[in-house]
Amino acid sequence: MTGQVRTVDGRVAGRRGQATRQKLLDCLRDMLSSSPYRDVKVIDVARMAGTSPATFYQYFPDVEGAVLEIADDTAKDSAALSGFVTDRSWAGRAGWTSAEQLVDGFLAFWRKHDAILRVMDLAAAEGDKRFARVRTKVLAPVTTALQDTIKDLQAKGRVDKSISPGAVAGSLVSMLAAVASHQKAFSGWGVKQAEIKPNLAVLVHLGVTGRKPTR
């Protein structure tokens, strides 16, 4: 944790206070992994962290406020996803490798943050603009990186210039997010988990380059 951390009433938290605040967030993150978001109570988070509800309220106005803090941290972590696109080759076999690595990195990110991403989706779907904005921040880096890559390929004459880079990039990221959040549902359709990654990579490669991958 960097920079000053303040309590709800504006005081700067000391090292011990920062550690307590972080422990509360870590416990809340763990609880979101095993309990429905709406069932999580301040007293339960405080008890798990070995402190009191009064201490929780020193750092967060309510559970939702603490969840937003976790969501913001997730958005910062998502910046690394652009690294799976930027300065990567999309030609020949290297292009197939780039598509595979983007899919692997995206699915790994989703598994790591699955609980908070589910909460974001739920709250955004219910019309909470705060969570909708954070979700946009989560997906923005990789979407922008894909858009810029497609523009670059167009400039080199390797992708049809009638294609909208923004529309394709947004569609690919939306597809990746949807698959990542519903991976378990595929088994109900007779799809093996091992089949998801390579087929997603084919779609990503087709979307970025307009060509079937060379493996």
C-alpha atoms as a PDB file:
ATOM      1  CA  MET A   1       0.000   0.000   0.000  1.00  0.00           C
ATOM      2  CA  THR A   2       1.486   3.347  -1.018  1.00  0.00           C
ATOM      3  CA  GLY A   3       0.627   6.943  -0.172  1.00  0.00           C
ATOM      4  CA  GLN A   4      -1.356   8.214   2.780  1.00  0.00           C
ATOM      5  CA  VAL A   5      -4.267   6.163   4.040  1.00  0.00           C
ATOM      6  CA  ARG A   6      -6.977   8.102   5.822  1.00  0.00           C
ATOM      7  CA  THR A   7      -9.746   7.084   8.151  1.00  0.00           C
ATOM      8  CA  VAL A   8     -13.374   7.929   7.410  1.00  0.00           C
ATOM      9  CA  ASP A   9     -13.083  11.120   9.475  1.00  0.00           C
ATOM     10  CA  GLY A  10     -10.002  12.272   7.552  1.00  0.00           C
ATOM     11  CA  ARG A  11      -7.196  11.332   9.954  1.00  0.00           C
ATOM     12  CA  VAL A  12      -4.005   9.860   8.481  1.00  0.00           C
ATOM     13  CA  ALA A  13      -3.684   6.227   9.518  1.00  0.00           C
ATOM     14  CA  GLY A  14      -0.405   5.104  11.015  1.00  0.00           C
ATOM     15  CA  ARG A  15       1.442   1.927  10.108  1.00  0.00           C
ATOM     16  CA  ARG A  16      -0.620  -0.165  12.501  1.00  0.00           C
ATOM     17  CA  GLY A  17      -3.846   1.372  11.250  1.00  0.00           C
ATOM     18  CA  GLN A  18      -2.865   0.693   7.647  1.00  0.00           C
ATOM     19  CA  ALA A  19      -2.150  -2.935   8.509  1.00  0.00           C
ATOM     20  CA  THR A  20      -5.551  -3.269  10.197  1.00  0.00           C
ATOM     21  CA  ARG A  21      -7.288  -1.690   7.226  1.00  0.00           C
ATOM     22  CA  GLN A  22      -5.533  -4.036   4.826  1.00  0.00           C
ATOM     23  CA  LYS A  23      -6.417  -7.041   6.956  1.00  0.00           C
ATOM     24  CA  LEU A  24     -10.078  -6.026   6.842  1.00  0.00           C
ATOM     25  CA  LEU A  25      -9.900  -5.812   3.061  1.00  0.00           C
ATOM     26  CA  ASP A  26      -8.167  -9.188   2.814  1.00  0.00           C
ATOM     27  CA  CYS A  27     -10.798 -10.819   5.015  1.00  0.00           C
ATOM     28  CA  LEU A  28     -13.602  -9.223   3.024  1.00  0.00           C
ATOM     29  CA  ARG A  29     -12.029 -10.497  -0.196  1.00  0.00           C
ATOM     30  CA  ASP A  30     -11.919 -14.009   1.267  1.00  0.00           C
ATOM     31  CA  MET A  31     -15.534 -13.796   2.362  1.00  0.00           C
ATOM     32  CA  LEU A  32     -16.660 -12.696  -1.093  1.00  0.00           C
ATOM     33  CA  SER A  33     -15.124 -15.888  -2.464  1.00  0.00           C
ATOM     34  CA  SER A  34     -17.410 -18.076  -0.374  1.00  0.00           C
ATOM     35  CA  SER A  35     -20.472 -15.960   0.461  1.00  0.00           C
ATOM     36  CA  PRO A  36     -23.025 -14.018  -1.610  1.00  0.00           C
ATOM     37  CA  TYR A  37     -22.153 -10.316  -1.655  1.00  0.00           C
ATOM     38  CA  ARG A  38     -25.448  -9.299  -0.041  1.00  0.00           C
ATOM     39  CA  ASP A  39     -24.909 -11.718   2.851  1.00  0.00           C
ATOM     40  CA  VAL A  40     -21.592 -10.233   3.960  1.00  0.00           C
ATOM     41  CA  LYS A  41     -21.975  -8.152   7.139  1.00  0.00           C
ATOM     42  CA  VAL A  42     -19.601  -5.739   8.838  1.00  0.00           C
ATOM     43  CA  ILE A  43     -19.633  -7.749  12.053  1.00  0.00           C
ATOM     44  CA  ASP A  44     -18.585 -10.901  10.187  1.00  0.00           C
ATOM     45  CA  VAL A  45     -15.689  -9.163   8.421  1.00  0.00           C
ATOM     46  CA  ALA A  46     -14.532  -7.589  11.684  1.00  0.00           C
ATOM     47  CA  ARG A  47     -14.731 -10.888  13.534  1.00  0.00           C
ATOM     48  CA  MET A  48     -12.717 -12.663  10.852  1.00  0.00           C
ATOM     49  CA  ALA A  49     -10.074  -9.917  11.020  1.00  0.00           C
ATOM     50  CA  GLY A  50      -9.913 -10.201  14.817  1.00  0.00           C
ATOM     51  CA  THR A  51     -11.204  -6.700  15.443  1.00  0.00           C
ATOM     52  CA  SER A  52     -14.492  -4.889  16.063  1.00  0.00           C
ATOM     53  CA  PRO A  53     -17.208  -3.320  13.875  1.00  0.00           C
ATOM     54  CA  ALA A  54     -16.221   0.045  15.348  1.00  0.00           C
ATOM     55  CA  THR A  55     -12.729  -0.409  13.937  1.00  0.00           C
ATOM     56  CA  PHE A  56     -14.167  -1.364  10.541  1.00  0.00           C
ATOM     57  CA  TYR A  57     -16.177   1.878  10.472  1.00  0.00           C
ATOM     58  CA  GLN A  58     -13.023   3.869  11.163  1.00  0.00           C
ATOM     59  CA  TYR A  59     -11.804   2.937   7.664  1.00  0.00           C
ATOM     60  CA  PHE A  60     -14.930   2.257   5.591  1.00  0.00           C
ATOM     61  CA  PRO A  61     -18.459   3.708   5.621  1.00  0.00           C
ATOM     62  CA  ASP A  62     -19.978   0.275   4.992  1.00  0.00           C
ATOM     63  CA  VAL A  63     -19.304  -3.082   3.300  1.00  0.00           C
ATOM     64  CA  GLU A  64     -20.033  -1.594  -0.114  1.00  0.00           C
ATOM     65  CA  GLY A  65     -17.414   1.101   0.406  1.00  0.00           C
ATOM     66  CA  ALA A  66     -14.819  -1.526   1.278  1.00  0.00           C
ATOM     67  CA  VAL A  67     -15.806  -3.609  -1.738  1.00  0.00           C
ATOM     68  CA  LEU A  68     -15.244  -0.565  -3.956  1.00  0.00           C
ATOM     69  CA  GLU A  69     -11.732  -0.271  -2.513  1.00  0.00           C
ATOM     70  CA  ILE A  70     -11.016  -3.870  -3.561  1.00  0.00           C
ATOM     71  CA  ALA A  71     -12.538  -3.173  -6.967  1.00  0.00           C
ATOM     72  CA  ASP A  72     -10.234  -0.179  -7.455  1.00  0.00           C
ATOM     73  CA  ASP A  73      -7.205  -2.334  -6.590  1.00  0.00           C
ATOM     74  CA  THR A  74      -8.376  -4.883  -9.156  1.00  0.00           C
ATOM     75  CA  ALA A  75      -8.610  -2.164 -11.782  1.00  0.00           C
ATOM     76  CA  LYS A  76      -5.003  -1.170 -11.081  1.00  0.00           C
ATOM     77  CA  ASP A  77      -3.902  -4.808 -11.386  1.00  0.00           C
ATOM     78  CA  SER A  78      -5.646  -5.102 -14.757  1.00  0.00           C
ATOM     79  CA  ALA A  79      -3.172  -2.668 -16.327  1.00  0.00           C
ATOM     80  CA  ALA A  80      -0.786  -5.615 -16.701  1.00  0.00           C
ATOM     81  CA  LEU A  81      -3.159  -7.240 -19.213  1.00  0.00           C
ATOM     82  CA  SER A  82      -2.080  -4.768 -21.881  1.00  0.00           C
ATOM     83  CA  GLY A  83       1.377  -6.339 -21.703  1.00  0.00           C
ATOM     84  CA  PHE A  84      -0.019  -9.440 -23.400  1.00  0.00           C
ATOM     85  CA  VAL A  85      -0.820  -7.304 -26.463  1.00  0.00           C
ATOM     86  CA  THR A  86       1.553  -4.347 -26.691  1.00  0.00           C
ATOM     87  CA  ASP A  87       4.809  -4.882 -28.624  1.00  0.00           C
ATOM     88  CA  ARG A  88       3.828  -8.458 -29.503  1.00  0.00           C
ATOM     89  CA  SER A  89       4.158  -9.882 -32.981  1.00  0.00           C
ATOM     90  CA  TRP A  90       0.946 -11.003 -34.661  1.00  0.00           C
ATOM     91  CA  ALA A  91       2.631 -12.466 -37.746  1.00  0.00           C
ATOM     92  CA  GLY A  92       2.992 -16.178 -38.486  1.00  0.00           C
ATOM     93  CA  ARG A  93       3.582 -18.542 -35.595  1.00  0.00           C
ATOM     94  CA  ALA A  94       4.388 -15.602 -33.325  1.00  0.00           C
ATOM     95  CA  GLY A  95       0.848 -14.363 -33.840  1.00  0.00           C
ATOM     96  CA  TRP A  96      -0.562 -17.646 -32.591  1.00  0.00           C
ATOM     97  CA  THR A  97       1.696 -17.451 -29.529  1.00  0.00           C
ATOM     98  CA  SER A  98       0.498 -13.899 -28.859  1.00  0.00           C
ATOM     99  CA  ALA A  99      -3.143 -15.002 -29.038  1.00  0.00           C
ATOM    100  CA  GLU A 100      -2.513 -17.954 -26.710  1.00  0.00           C
ATOM    101  CA  GLN A 101      -0.657 -15.839 -24.169  1.00  0.00           C
ATOM    102  CA  LEU A 102      -3.366 -13.173 -24.147  1.00  0.00           C
ATOM    103  CA  VAL A 103      -6.039 -15.804 -23.477  1.00  0.00           C
ATOM    104  CA  ASP A 104      -3.933 -17.456 -20.767  1.00  0.00           C
ATOM    105  CA  GLY A 105      -3.196 -14.118 -19.107  1.00  0.00           C
ATOM    106  CA  PHE A 106      -6.799 -12.950 -19.268  1.00  0.00           C
ATOM    107  CA  LEU A 107      -8.232 -16.159 -17.816  1.00  0.00           C
ATOM    108  CA  ALA A 108      -5.574 -16.199 -15.077  1.00  0.00           C
ATOM    109  CA  PHE A 109      -6.434 -12.601 -14.147  1.00  0.00           C
ATOM    110  CA  TRP A 110     -10.118 -13.518 -13.984  1.00  0.00           C
ATOM    111  CA  ARG A 111      -9.463 -16.538 -11.758  1.00  0.00           C
ATOM    112  CA  LYS A 112      -7.365 -14.424  -9.404  1.00  0.00           C
ATOM    113  CA  HIS A 113     -10.058 -11.754  -9.040  1.00  0.00           C
ATOM    114  CA  ASP A 114     -13.134 -13.881  -9.688  1.00  0.00           C
ATOM    115  CA  ALA A 115     -15.002 -12.923  -6.498  1.00  0.00           C
ATOM    116  CA  ILE A 116     -14.729  -9.159  -6.865  1.00  0.00           C
ATOM    117  CA  LEU A 117     -15.362  -9.298 -10.615  1.00  0.00           C
ATOM    118  CA  ARG A 118     -18.617 -11.179  -9.963  1.00  0.00           C
ATOM    119  CA  VAL A 119     -19.655  -8.463  -7.511  1.00  0.00           C
ATOM    120  CA  MET A 120     -18.788  -5.776 -10.068  1.00  0.00           C
ATOM    121  CA  ASP A 121     -20.916  -7.469 -12.714  1.00  0.00           C
ATOM    122  CA  LEU A 122     -23.839  -7.850 -10.322  1.00  0.00           C
ATOM    123  CA  ALA A 123     -23.729  -4.278  -9.057  1.00  0.00           C
ATOM    124  CA  ALA A 124     -23.205  -2.825 -12.537  1.00  0.00           C
ATOM    125  CA  ALA A 125     -26.151  -4.854 -13.871  1.00  0.00           C
ATOM    126  CA  GLU A 126     -28.272  -3.446 -11.057  1.00  0.00           C
ATOM    127  CA  GLY A 127     -27.444   0.072 -12.227  1.00  0.00           C
ATOM    128  CA  ASP A 128     -24.705   1.045  -9.765  1.00  0.00           C
ATOM    129  CA  LYS A 129     -22.656   3.478 -11.840  1.00  0.00           C
ATOM    130  CA  ARG A 130     -19.700   3.342  -9.456  1.00  0.00           C
ATOM    131  CA  PHE A 131     -19.141  -0.336 -10.107  1.00  0.00           C
ATOM    132  CA  ALA A 132     -19.876   0.118 -13.806  1.00  0.00           C
ATOM    133  CA  ARG A 133     -17.098   2.721 -13.986  1.00  0.00           C
ATOM    134  CA  VAL A 134     -14.632   0.456 -12.196  1.00  0.00           C
ATOM    135  CA  ARG A 135     -15.499  -2.450 -14.493  1.00  0.00           C
ATOM    136  CA  THR A 136     -14.799  -0.206 -17.477  1.00  0.00           C
ATOM    137  CA  LYS A 137     -11.430   0.685 -15.925  1.00  0.00           C
ATOM    138  CA  VAL A 138     -10.637  -3.014 -15.531  1.00  0.00           C
ATOM    139  CA  LEU A 139     -11.189  -3.751 -19.212  1.00  0.00           C
ATOM    140  CA  ALA A 140      -9.893  -0.482 -20.654  1.00  0.00           C
ATOM    141  CA  PRO A 141      -6.118  -1.220 -20.762  1.00  0.00           C
ATOM    142  CA  VAL A 142      -6.348  -4.444 -22.749  1.00  0.00           C
ATOM    143  CA  THR A 143      -9.119  -3.044 -24.974  1.00  0.00           C
ATOM    144  CA  THR A 144      -7.007   0.001 -25.840  1.00  0.00           C
ATOM    145  CA  ALA A 145      -3.951  -2.175 -26.473  1.00  0.00           C
ATOM    146  CA  LEU A 146      -5.895  -4.407 -28.874  1.00  0.00           C
ATOM    147  CA  GLN A 147      -7.366  -1.386 -30.631  1.00  0.00           C
ATOM    148  CA  ASP A 148      -3.914   0.132 -31.130  1.00  0.00           C
ATOM    149  CA  THR A 149      -2.554  -3.196 -32.395  1.00  0.00           C
ATOM    150  CA  ILE A 150      -5.300  -3.520 -34.990  1.00  0.00           C
ATOM    151  CA  LYS A 151      -4.731   0.087 -36.097  1.00  0.00           C
ATOM    152  CA  ASP A 152      -1.026  -0.665 -36.510  1.00  0.00           C
ATOM    153  CA  LEU A 153      -1.771  -3.758 -38.591  1.00  0.00           C
ATOM    154  CA  GLN A 154      -4.125  -1.684 -40.737  1.00  0.00           C
ATOM    155  CA  ALA A 155      -1.411   0.920 -41.291  1.00  0.00           C
ATOM    156  CA  LYS A 156       0.891  -1.865 -42.488  1.00  0.00           C
ATOM    157  CA  GLY A 157      -1.744  -3.121 -44.886  1.00  0.00           C
ATOM    158  CA  ARG A 158      -2.199  -6.412 -43.069  1.00  0.00           C
ATOM    159  CA  VAL A 159      -5.780  -5.814 -41.888  1.00  0.00           C
ATOM    160  CA  ASP A 160      -8.758  -4.560 -43.906  1.00  0.00           C
ATOM    161  CA  LYS A 161      -9.123  -0.821 -43.316  1.00  0.00           C
ATOM    162  CA  SER A 162     -12.906  -1.096 -43.306  1.00  0.00           C
ATOM    163  CA  ILE A 163     -12.657  -2.884 -39.954  1.00  0.00           C
ATOM    164  CA  SER A 164     -13.339  -0.731 -36.876  1.00  0.00           C
ATOM    165  CA  PRO A 165     -10.437  -1.332 -34.464  1.00  0.00           C
ATOM    166  CA  GLY A 166     -12.464  -0.116 -31.506  1.00  0.00           C
ATOM    167  CA  ALA A 167     -15.455  -2.292 -32.281  1.00  0.00           C
ATOM    168  CA  VAL A 168     -13.315  -5.396 -32.808  1.00  0.00           C
ATOM    169  CA  ALA A 169     -11.205  -4.784 -29.691  1.00  0.00           C
ATOM    170  CA  GLY A 170     -14.277  -4.155 -27.554  1.00  0.00           C
ATOM    171  CA  SER A 171     -15.990  -7.259 -28.913  1.00  0.00           C
ATOM    172  CA  LEU A 172     -12.947  -9.469 -28.274  1.00  0.00           C
ATOM    173  CA  VAL A 173     -12.532  -8.247 -24.697  1.00  0.00           C
ATOM    174  CA  SER A 174     -16.259  -8.624 -24.016  1.00  0.00           C
ATOM    175  CA  MET A 175     -16.043 -12.178 -25.332  1.00  0.00           C
ATOM    176  CA  LEU A 176     -13.033 -12.976 -23.153  1.00  0.00           C
ATOM    177  CA  ALA A 177     -14.741 -11.520 -20.083  1.00  0.00           C
ATOM    178  CA  ALA A 178     -17.954 -13.441 -20.734  1.00  0.00           C
ATOM    179  CA  VAL A 179     -16.143 -16.750 -21.213  1.00  0.00           C
ATOM    180  CA  ALA A 180     -13.905 -16.143 -18.199  1.00  0.00           C
ATOM    181  CA  SER A 181     -16.887 -15.500 -15.942  1.00  0.00           C
ATOM    182  CA  HIS A 182     -18.856 -18.517 -17.196  1.00  0.00           C
ATOM    183  CA  GLN A 183     -16.148 -21.157 -17.606  1.00  0.00           C
ATOM    184  CA  LYS A 184     -17.935 -23.686 -15.419  1.00  0.00           C
ATOM    185  CA  ALA A 185     -21.084 -23.451 -17.528  1.00  0.00           C
ATOM    186  CA  PHE A 186     -19.265 -24.894 -20.535  1.00  0.00           C
ATOM    187  CA  SER A 187     -19.200 -28.349 -18.987  1.00  0.00           C
ATOM    188  CA  GLY A 188     -23.002 -28.321 -19.050  1.00  0.00           C
ATOM    189  CA  TRP A 189     -22.818 -27.921 -22.813  1.00  0.00           C
ATOM    190  CA  GLY A 190     -20.444 -30.850 -23.175  1.00  0.00           C
ATOM    191  CA  VAL A 191     -17.364 -28.643 -23.636  1.00  0.00           C
ATOM    192  CA  LYS A 192     -14.192 -29.741 -21.859  1.00  0.00           C
ATOM    193  CA  GLN A 193     -12.210 -27.109 -19.984  1.00  0.00           C
ATOM    194  CA  ALA A 194      -9.104 -28.014 -21.997  1.00  0.00           C
ATOM    195  CA  GLU A 195     -10.927 -27.052 -25.192  1.00  0.00           C
ATOM    196  CA  ILE A 196     -11.728 -23.510 -24.112  1.00  0.00           C
ATOM    197  CA  LYS A 197      -8.289 -21.884 -24.281  1.00  0.00           C
ATOM    198  CA  PRO A 198      -7.168 -22.999 -27.766  1.00  0.00           C
ATOM    199  CA  ASN A 199     -10.515 -22.174 -29.334  1.00  0.00           C
ATOM    200  CA  LEU A 200     -10.613 -18.778 -27.669  1.00  0.00           C
ATOM    201  CA  ALA A 201      -7.112 -18.147 -28.996  1.00  0.00           C
ATOM    202  CA  VAL A 202      -8.296 -18.953 -32.532  1.00  0.00           C
ATOM    203  CA  LEU A 203     -11.101 -16.382 -32.208  1.00  0.00           C
ATOM    204  CA  VAL A 204      -8.729 -13.761 -30.800  1.00  0.00           C
ATOM    205  CA  HIS A 205      -6.242 -14.337 -33.628  1.00  0.00           C
ATOM    206  CA  LEU A 206      -8.988 -14.108 -36.243  1.00  0.00           C
ATOM    207  CA  GLY A 207     -10.316 -10.945 -34.641  1.00  0.00           C
ATOM    208  CA  VAL A 208      -6.959  -9.186 -34.505  1.00  0.00           C
ATOM    209  CA  THR A 209      -5.457 -10.299 -37.826  1.00  0.00           C
ATOM    210  CA  GLY A 210      -8.450 -11.386 -39.903  1.00  0.00           C
ATOM    211  CA  ARG A 211      -6.573 -14.617 -40.647  1.00  0.00           C
ATOM    212  CA  LYS A 212      -6.509 -18.185 -39.421  1.00  0.00           C
ATOM    213  CA  PRO A 213      -3.494 -18.761 -37.155  1.00  0.00           C
ATOM    214  CA  THR A 214      -0.326 -20.510 -38.259  1.00  0.00           C
ATOM    215  CA  ARG A 215       0.536 -23.078 -35.588  1.00  0.00           C
END
